[in-house]
Amino acid sequence: MDTWVIAMMLGASIFLGAVALFAFLWAIKNGQFDDEEKFLNGAKFDGEEELNDAIKQENKKAMLKKNYRPE
């Protein structure tokens, strides 16, 4: 390989890494990762009964949407 190919690959890698780092820092600054309770609540309330309730609610919404007639 020529040295210019290695230099071009190294430059592109550094540039893409810098863009990714900038995007990550921007996301942290804007609070994209501030939902601390989401995973805990997901594990705590993700039982069989809660999933069955969610299915019932989705079915109820679908039936109401199907039977809805605006006046």
PDB file of N, CA and C in Angstrom:
ATOM      1  N   MET A   1       0.832  -1.180   0.000  1.00  0.00           N
ATOM      2  CA  MET A   1       0.000   0.000   0.000  1.00  0.00           C
ATOM      3  C   MET A   1       0.873   1.239   0.000  1.00  0.00           C
ATOM      4  N   ASP A   2       0.386   2.210  -0.677  1.00  0.00           N
ATOM      5  CA  ASP A   2       1.104   3.483  -0.681  1.00  0.00           C
ATOM      6  C   ASP A   2       0.827   4.232   0.617  1.00  0.00           C
ATOM      7  N   THR A   3       1.718   5.137   0.932  1.00  0.00           N
ATOM      8  CA  THR A   3       1.554   5.906   2.170  1.00  0.00           C
ATOM      9  C   THR A   3       0.381   6.871   2.094  1.00  0.00           C
ATOM     10  N   TRP A   4       0.019   7.336   0.883  1.00  0.00           N
ATOM     11  CA  TRP A   4      -1.098   8.262   0.775  1.00  0.00           C
ATOM     12  C   TRP A   4      -2.421   7.557   1.075  1.00  0.00           C
ATOM     13  N   VAL A   5      -2.508   6.263   0.777  1.00  0.00           N
ATOM     14  CA  VAL A   5      -3.723   5.507   1.081  1.00  0.00           C
ATOM     15  C   VAL A   5      -3.876   5.359   2.596  1.00  0.00           C
ATOM     16  N   ILE A   6      -2.772   5.042   3.263  1.00  0.00           N
ATOM     17  CA  ILE A   6      -2.808   4.914   4.717  1.00  0.00           C
ATOM     18  C   ILE A   6      -3.143   6.259   5.361  1.00  0.00           C
ATOM     19  N   ALA A   7      -2.559   7.333   4.862  1.00  0.00           N
ATOM     20  CA  ALA A   7      -2.834   8.661   5.399  1.00  0.00           C
ATOM     21  C   ALA A   7      -4.301   9.043   5.176  1.00  0.00           C
ATOM     22  N   MET A   8      -4.846   8.703   4.000  1.00  0.00           N
ATOM     23  CA  MET A   8      -6.243   9.011   3.715  1.00  0.00           C
ATOM     24  C   MET A   8      -7.167   8.203   4.629  1.00  0.00           C
ATOM     25  N   MET A   9      -6.880   6.927   4.832  1.00  0.00           N
ATOM     26  CA  MET A   9      -7.692   6.096   5.712  1.00  0.00           C
ATOM     27  C   MET A   9      -7.619   6.583   7.159  1.00  0.00           C
ATOM     28  N   LEU A  10      -6.433   6.954   7.596  1.00  0.00           N
ATOM     29  CA  LEU A  10      -6.259   7.471   8.950  1.00  0.00           C
ATOM     30  C   LEU A  10      -7.011   8.787   9.129  1.00  0.00           C
ATOM     31  N   GLY A  11      -6.925   9.671   8.151  1.00  0.00           N
ATOM     32  CA  GLY A  11      -7.635  10.947   8.214  1.00  0.00           C
ATOM     33  C   GLY A  11      -9.147  10.763   8.244  1.00  0.00           C
ATOM     34  N   ALA A  12      -9.644   9.854   7.398  1.00  0.00           N
ATOM     35  CA  ALA A  12     -11.087   9.601   7.380  1.00  0.00           C
ATOM     36  C   ALA A  12     -11.547   9.001   8.705  1.00  0.00           C
ATOM     37  N   SER A  13     -10.762   8.105   9.278  1.00  0.00           N
ATOM     38  CA  SER A  13     -11.125   7.486  10.555  1.00  0.00           C
ATOM     39  C   SER A  13     -11.143   8.512  11.682  1.00  0.00           C
ATOM     40  N   ILE A  14     -10.162   9.376  11.704  1.00  0.00           N
ATOM     41  CA  ILE A  14     -10.123  10.416  12.736  1.00  0.00           C
ATOM     42  C   ILE A  14     -11.304  11.362  12.578  1.00  0.00           C
ATOM     43  N   PHE A  15     -11.618  11.735  11.335  1.00  0.00           N
ATOM     44  CA  PHE A  15     -12.748  12.627  11.083  1.00  0.00           C
ATOM     45  C   PHE A  15     -14.060  11.987  11.528  1.00  0.00           C
ATOM     46  N   LEU A  16     -14.305  10.733  11.149  1.00  0.00           N
ATOM     47  CA  LEU A  16     -15.548  10.060  11.526  1.00  0.00           C
ATOM     48  C   LEU A  16     -15.632   9.857  13.041  1.00  0.00           C
ATOM     49  N   GLY A  17     -14.511   9.554  13.672  1.00  0.00           N
ATOM     50  CA  GLY A  17     -14.495   9.419  15.125  1.00  0.00           C
ATOM     51  C   GLY A  17     -14.815  10.732  15.816  1.00  0.00           C
ATOM     52  N   ALA A  18     -14.289  11.832  15.284  1.00  0.00           N
ATOM     53  CA  ALA A  18     -14.567  13.148  15.855  1.00  0.00           C
ATOM     54  C   ALA A  18     -16.041  13.507  15.696  1.00  0.00           C
ATOM     55  N   VAL A  19     -16.622  13.179  14.544  1.00  0.00           N
ATOM     56  CA  VAL A  19     -18.050  13.449  14.329  1.00  0.00           C
ATOM     57  C   VAL A  19     -18.888  12.635  15.315  1.00  0.00           C
ATOM     58  N   ALA A  20     -18.552  11.363  15.509  1.00  0.00           N
ATOM     59  CA  ALA A  20     -19.292  10.521  16.441  1.00  0.00           C
ATOM     60  C   ALA A  20     -19.152  11.041  17.875  1.00  0.00           C
ATOM     61  N   LEU A  21     -17.967  11.453  18.251  1.00  0.00           N
ATOM     62  CA  LEU A  21     -17.751  11.996  19.593  1.00  0.00           C
ATOM     63  C   LEU A  21     -18.541  13.285  19.787  1.00  0.00           C
ATOM     64  N   PHE A  22     -18.538  14.149  18.785  1.00  0.00           N
ATOM     65  CA  PHE A  22     -19.308  15.389  18.855  1.00  0.00           C
ATOM     66  C   PHE A  22     -20.797  15.087  19.004  1.00  0.00           C
ATOM     67  N   ALA A  23     -21.326  14.125  18.234  1.00  0.00           N
ATOM     68  CA  ALA A  23     -22.744  13.776  18.323  1.00  0.00           C
ATOM     69  C   ALA A  23     -23.078  13.208  19.699  1.00  0.00           C
ATOM     70  N   PHE A  24     -22.196  12.387  20.251  1.00  0.00           N
ATOM     71  CA  PHE A  24     -22.418  11.807  21.570  1.00  0.00           C
ATOM     72  C   PHE A  24     -22.426  12.890  22.648  1.00  0.00           C
ATOM     73  N   LEU A  25     -21.474  13.808  22.597  1.00  0.00           N
ATOM     74  CA  LEU A  25     -21.426  14.887  23.579  1.00  0.00           C
ATOM     75  C   LEU A  25     -22.627  15.809  23.445  1.00  0.00           C
ATOM     76  N   TRP A  26     -23.071  16.055  22.223  1.00  0.00           N
ATOM     77  CA  TRP A  26     -24.268  16.876  21.991  1.00  0.00           C
ATOM     78  C   TRP A  26     -25.496  16.203  22.601  1.00  0.00           C
ATOM     79  N   ALA A  27     -25.612  14.882  22.428  1.00  0.00           N
ATOM     80  CA  ALA A  27     -26.750  14.156  22.983  1.00  0.00           C
ATOM     81  C   ALA A  27     -26.741  14.196  24.503  1.00  0.00           C
ATOM     82  N   ILE A  28     -25.577  14.075  25.109  1.00  0.00           N
ATOM     83  CA  ILE A  28     -25.488  14.156  26.566  1.00  0.00           C
ATOM     84  C   ILE A  28     -25.890  15.556  27.041  1.00  0.00           C
ATOM     85  N   LYS A  29     -25.405  16.582  26.344  1.00  0.00           N
ATOM     86  CA  LYS A  29     -25.706  17.958  26.730  1.00  0.00           C
ATOM     87  C   LYS A  29     -27.199  18.251  26.631  1.00  0.00           C
ATOM     88  N   ASN A  30     -27.880  17.687  25.638  1.00  0.00           N
ATOM     89  CA  ASN A  30     -29.296  17.954  25.433  1.00  0.00           C
ATOM     90  C   ASN A  30     -30.209  17.002  26.192  1.00  0.00           C
ATOM     91  N   GLY A  31     -29.652  16.111  26.999  1.00  0.00           N
ATOM     92  CA  GLY A  31     -30.475  15.271  27.866  1.00  0.00           C
ATOM     93  C   GLY A  31     -31.069  14.048  27.203  1.00  0.00           C
ATOM     94  N   GLN A  32     -30.461  13.542  26.164  1.00  0.00           N
ATOM     95  CA  GLN A  32     -30.992  12.365  25.492  1.00  0.00           C
ATOM     96  C   GLN A  32     -30.919  11.109  26.356  1.00  0.00           C
ATOM     97  N   PHE A  33     -30.018  11.075  27.311  1.00  0.00           N
ATOM     98  CA  PHE A  33     -29.804   9.886  28.129  1.00  0.00           C
ATOM     99  C   PHE A  33     -30.225  10.113  29.575  1.00  0.00           C
ATOM    100  N   ASP A  34     -31.143  11.039  29.827  1.00  0.00           N
ATOM    101  CA  ASP A  34     -31.521  11.393  31.192  1.00  0.00           C
ATOM    102  C   ASP A  34     -32.640  10.530  31.769  1.00  0.00           C
ATOM    103  N   ASP A  35     -33.204   9.621  31.009  1.00  0.00           N
ATOM    104  CA  ASP A  35     -34.299   8.791  31.492  1.00  0.00           C
ATOM    105  C   ASP A  35     -33.734   7.648  32.322  1.00  0.00           C
ATOM    106  N   GLU A  36     -33.509   7.920  33.609  1.00  0.00           N
ATOM    107  CA  GLU A  36     -32.862   6.951  34.478  1.00  0.00           C
ATOM    108  C   GLU A  36     -33.796   5.842  34.928  1.00  0.00           C
ATOM    109  N   GLU A  37     -35.100   6.091  34.953  1.00  0.00           N
ATOM    110  CA  GLU A  37     -36.039   5.117  35.488  1.00  0.00           C
ATOM    111  C   GLU A  37     -36.658   4.223  34.422  1.00  0.00           C
ATOM    112  N   LYS A  38     -36.421   4.480  33.172  1.00  0.00           N
ATOM    113  CA  LYS A  38     -37.082   3.728  32.109  1.00  0.00           C
ATOM    114  C   LYS A  38     -36.775   2.235  32.186  1.00  0.00           C
ATOM    115  N   PHE A  39     -35.516   1.886  32.297  1.00  0.00           N
ATOM    116  CA  PHE A  39     -35.151   0.482  32.308  1.00  0.00           C
ATOM    117  C   PHE A  39     -35.585  -0.196  33.607  1.00  0.00           C
ATOM    118  N   LEU A  40     -35.514   0.533  34.720  1.00  0.00           N
ATOM    119  CA  LEU A  40     -35.963  -0.043  35.989  1.00  0.00           C
ATOM    120  C   LEU A  40     -37.465  -0.285  35.982  1.00  0.00           C
ATOM    121  N   ASN A  41     -38.225   0.691  35.497  1.00  0.00           N
ATOM    122  CA  ASN A  41     -39.677   0.509  35.422  1.00  0.00           C
ATOM    123  C   ASN A  41     -40.051  -0.547  34.400  1.00  0.00           C
ATOM    124  N   GLY A  42     -39.297  -0.624  33.319  1.00  0.00           N
ATOM    125  CA  GLY A  42     -39.564  -1.651  32.318  1.00  0.00           C
ATOM    126  C   GLY A  42     -39.394  -3.045  32.883  1.00  0.00           C
ATOM    127  N   ALA A  43     -38.388  -3.231  33.704  1.00  0.00           N
ATOM    128  CA  ALA A  43     -38.167  -4.540  34.318  1.00  0.00           C
ATOM    129  C   ALA A  43     -39.166  -4.806  35.437  1.00  0.00           C
ATOM    130  N   LYS A  44     -39.536  -3.761  36.163  1.00  0.00           N
ATOM    131  CA  LYS A  44     -40.429  -3.925  37.305  1.00  0.00           C
ATOM    132  C   LYS A  44     -41.866  -4.200  36.873  1.00  0.00           C
ATOM    133  N   PHE A  45     -42.338  -3.502  35.838  1.00  0.00           N
ATOM    134  CA  PHE A  45     -43.742  -3.589  35.438  1.00  0.00           C
ATOM    135  C   PHE A  45     -43.948  -4.375  34.149  1.00  0.00           C
ATOM    136  N   ASP A  46     -43.030  -5.250  33.806  1.00  0.00           N
ATOM    137  CA  ASP A  46     -43.154  -5.982  32.550  1.00  0.00           C
ATOM    138  C   ASP A  46     -43.474  -7.444  32.822  1.00  0.00           C
ATOM    139  N   GLY A  47     -44.501  -7.652  33.623  1.00  0.00           N
ATOM    140  CA  GLY A  47     -44.930  -9.006  33.923  1.00  0.00           C
ATOM    141  C   GLY A  47     -46.009  -9.462  32.965  1.00  0.00           C
ATOM    142  N   GLU A  48     -46.440 -10.681  33.144  1.00  0.00           N
ATOM    143  CA  GLU A  48     -47.445 -11.264  32.261  1.00  0.00           C
ATOM    144  C   GLU A  48     -48.783 -10.537  32.375  1.00  0.00           C
ATOM    145  N   GLU A  49     -49.156 -10.179  33.589  1.00  0.00           N
ATOM    146  CA  GLU A  49     -50.431  -9.491  33.801  1.00  0.00           C
ATOM    147  C   GLU A  49     -50.443  -8.115  33.136  1.00  0.00           C
ATOM    148  N   GLU A  50     -49.343  -7.373  33.253  1.00  0.00           N
ATOM    149  CA  GLU A  50     -49.267  -6.058  32.630  1.00  0.00           C
ATOM    150  C   GLU A  50     -49.303  -6.155  31.110  1.00  0.00           C
ATOM    151  N   LEU A  51     -48.649  -7.179  30.565  1.00  0.00           N
ATOM    152  CA  LEU A  51     -48.682  -7.361  29.115  1.00  0.00           C
ATOM    153  C   LEU A  51     -50.086  -7.722  28.641  1.00  0.00           C
ATOM    154  N   ASN A  52     -50.797  -8.540  29.396  1.00  0.00           N
ATOM    155  CA  ASN A  52     -52.177  -8.865  29.034  1.00  0.00           C
ATOM    156  C   ASN A  52     -53.066  -7.638  29.094  1.00  0.00           C
ATOM    157  N   ASP A  53     -52.860  -6.779  30.110  1.00  0.00           N
ATOM    158  CA  ASP A  53     -53.620  -5.532  30.186  1.00  0.00           C
ATOM    159  C   ASP A  53     -53.335  -4.634  28.985  1.00  0.00           C
ATOM    160  N   ALA A  54     -52.086  -4.575  28.555  1.00  0.00           N
ATOM    161  CA  ALA A  54     -51.729  -3.755  27.395  1.00  0.00           C
ATOM    162  C   ALA A  54     -52.403  -4.286  26.132  1.00  0.00           C
ATOM    163  N   ILE A  55     -52.471  -5.601  25.977  1.00  0.00           N
ATOM    164  CA  ILE A  55     -53.139  -6.191  24.807  1.00  0.00           C
ATOM    165  C   ILE A  55     -54.620  -5.878  24.835  1.00  0.00           C
ATOM    166  N   LYS A  56     -55.239  -5.972  26.020  1.00  0.00           N
ATOM    167  CA  LYS A  56     -56.664  -5.655  26.138  1.00  0.00           C
ATOM    168  C   LYS A  56     -56.930  -4.196  25.785  1.00  0.00           C
ATOM    169  N   GLN A  57     -56.063  -3.300  26.231  1.00  0.00           N
ATOM    170  CA  GLN A  57     -56.233  -1.886  25.909  1.00  0.00           C
ATOM    171  C   GLN A  57     -56.088  -1.632  24.416  1.00  0.00           C
ATOM    172  N   GLU A  58     -55.125  -2.292  23.777  1.00  0.00           N
ATOM    173  CA  GLU A  58     -54.956  -2.129  22.331  1.00  0.00           C
ATOM    174  C   GLU A  58     -56.180  -2.652  21.575  1.00  0.00           C
ATOM    175  N   ASN A  59     -56.710  -3.785  22.003  1.00  0.00           N
ATOM    176  CA  ASN A  59     -57.910  -4.331  21.355  1.00  0.00           C
ATOM    177  C   ASN A  59     -59.104  -3.414  21.553  1.00  0.00           C
ATOM    178  N   LYS A  60     -59.231  -2.848  22.754  1.00  0.00           N
ATOM    179  CA  LYS A  60     -60.336  -1.930  23.030  1.00  0.00           C
ATOM    180  C   LYS A  60     -60.239  -0.681  22.153  1.00  0.00           C
ATOM    181  N   LYS A  61     -59.024  -0.140  22.005  1.00  0.00           N
ATOM    182  CA  LYS A  61     -58.824   1.024  21.139  1.00  0.00           C
ATOM    183  C   LYS A  61     -59.183   0.700  19.701  1.00  0.00           C
ATOM    184  N   ALA A  62     -58.790  -0.487  19.247  1.00  0.00           N
ATOM    185  CA  ALA A  62     -59.085  -0.886  17.868  1.00  0.00           C
ATOM    186  C   ALA A  62     -60.592  -1.010  17.655  1.00  0.00           C
ATOM    187  N   MET A  63     -61.298  -1.581  18.621  1.00  0.00           N
ATOM    188  CA  MET A  63     -62.753  -1.726  18.489  1.00  0.00           C
ATOM    189  C   MET A  63     -63.441  -0.361  18.507  1.00  0.00           C
ATOM    190  N   LEU A  64     -63.001   0.524  19.394  1.00  0.00           N
ATOM    191  CA  LEU A  64     -63.597   1.860  19.436  1.00  0.00           C
ATOM    192  C   LEU A  64     -63.332   2.632  18.156  1.00  0.00           C
ATOM    193  N   LYS A  65     -62.141   2.475  17.611  1.00  0.00           N
ATOM    194  CA  LYS A  65     -61.810   3.162  16.357  1.00  0.00           C
ATOM    195  C   LYS A  65     -62.643   2.605  15.214  1.00  0.00           C
ATOM    196  N   LYS A  66     -62.871   1.291  15.231  1.00  0.00           N
ATOM    197  CA  LYS A  66     -63.659   0.643  14.177  1.00  0.00           C
ATOM    198  C   LYS A  66     -65.118   1.070  14.239  1.00  0.00           C
ATOM    199  N   ASN A  67     -65.658   1.219  15.438  1.00  0.00           N
ATOM    200  CA  ASN A  67     -67.065   1.551  15.607  1.00  0.00           C
ATOM    201  C   ASN A  67     -67.343   3.048  15.679  1.00  0.00           C
ATOM    202  N   TYR A  68     -66.327   3.878  15.595  1.00  0.00           N
ATOM    203  CA  TYR A  68     -66.498   5.320  15.706  1.00  0.00           C
ATOM    204  C   TYR A  68     -67.153   5.876  14.461  1.00  0.00           C
ATOM    205  N   ARG A  69     -68.232   6.643  14.687  1.00  0.00           N
ATOM    206  CA  ARG A  69     -68.926   7.309  13.592  1.00  0.00           C
ATOM    207  C   ARG A  69     -69.133   8.773  13.965  1.00  0.00           C
ATOM    208  N   PRO A  70     -68.400   9.668  13.324  1.00  0.00           N
ATOM    209  CA  PRO A  70     -68.577  11.094  13.645  1.00  0.00           C
ATOM    210  C   PRO A  70     -69.966  11.568  13.221  1.00  0.00           C
ATOM    211  N   GLU A  71     -70.522  12.458  14.010  1.00  0.00           N
ATOM    212  CA  GLU A  71     -71.880  12.941  13.716  1.00  0.00           C
ATOM    213  C   GLU A  71     -71.860  14.205  12.941  1.00  0.00           C
TER     214      GLU A  71
END
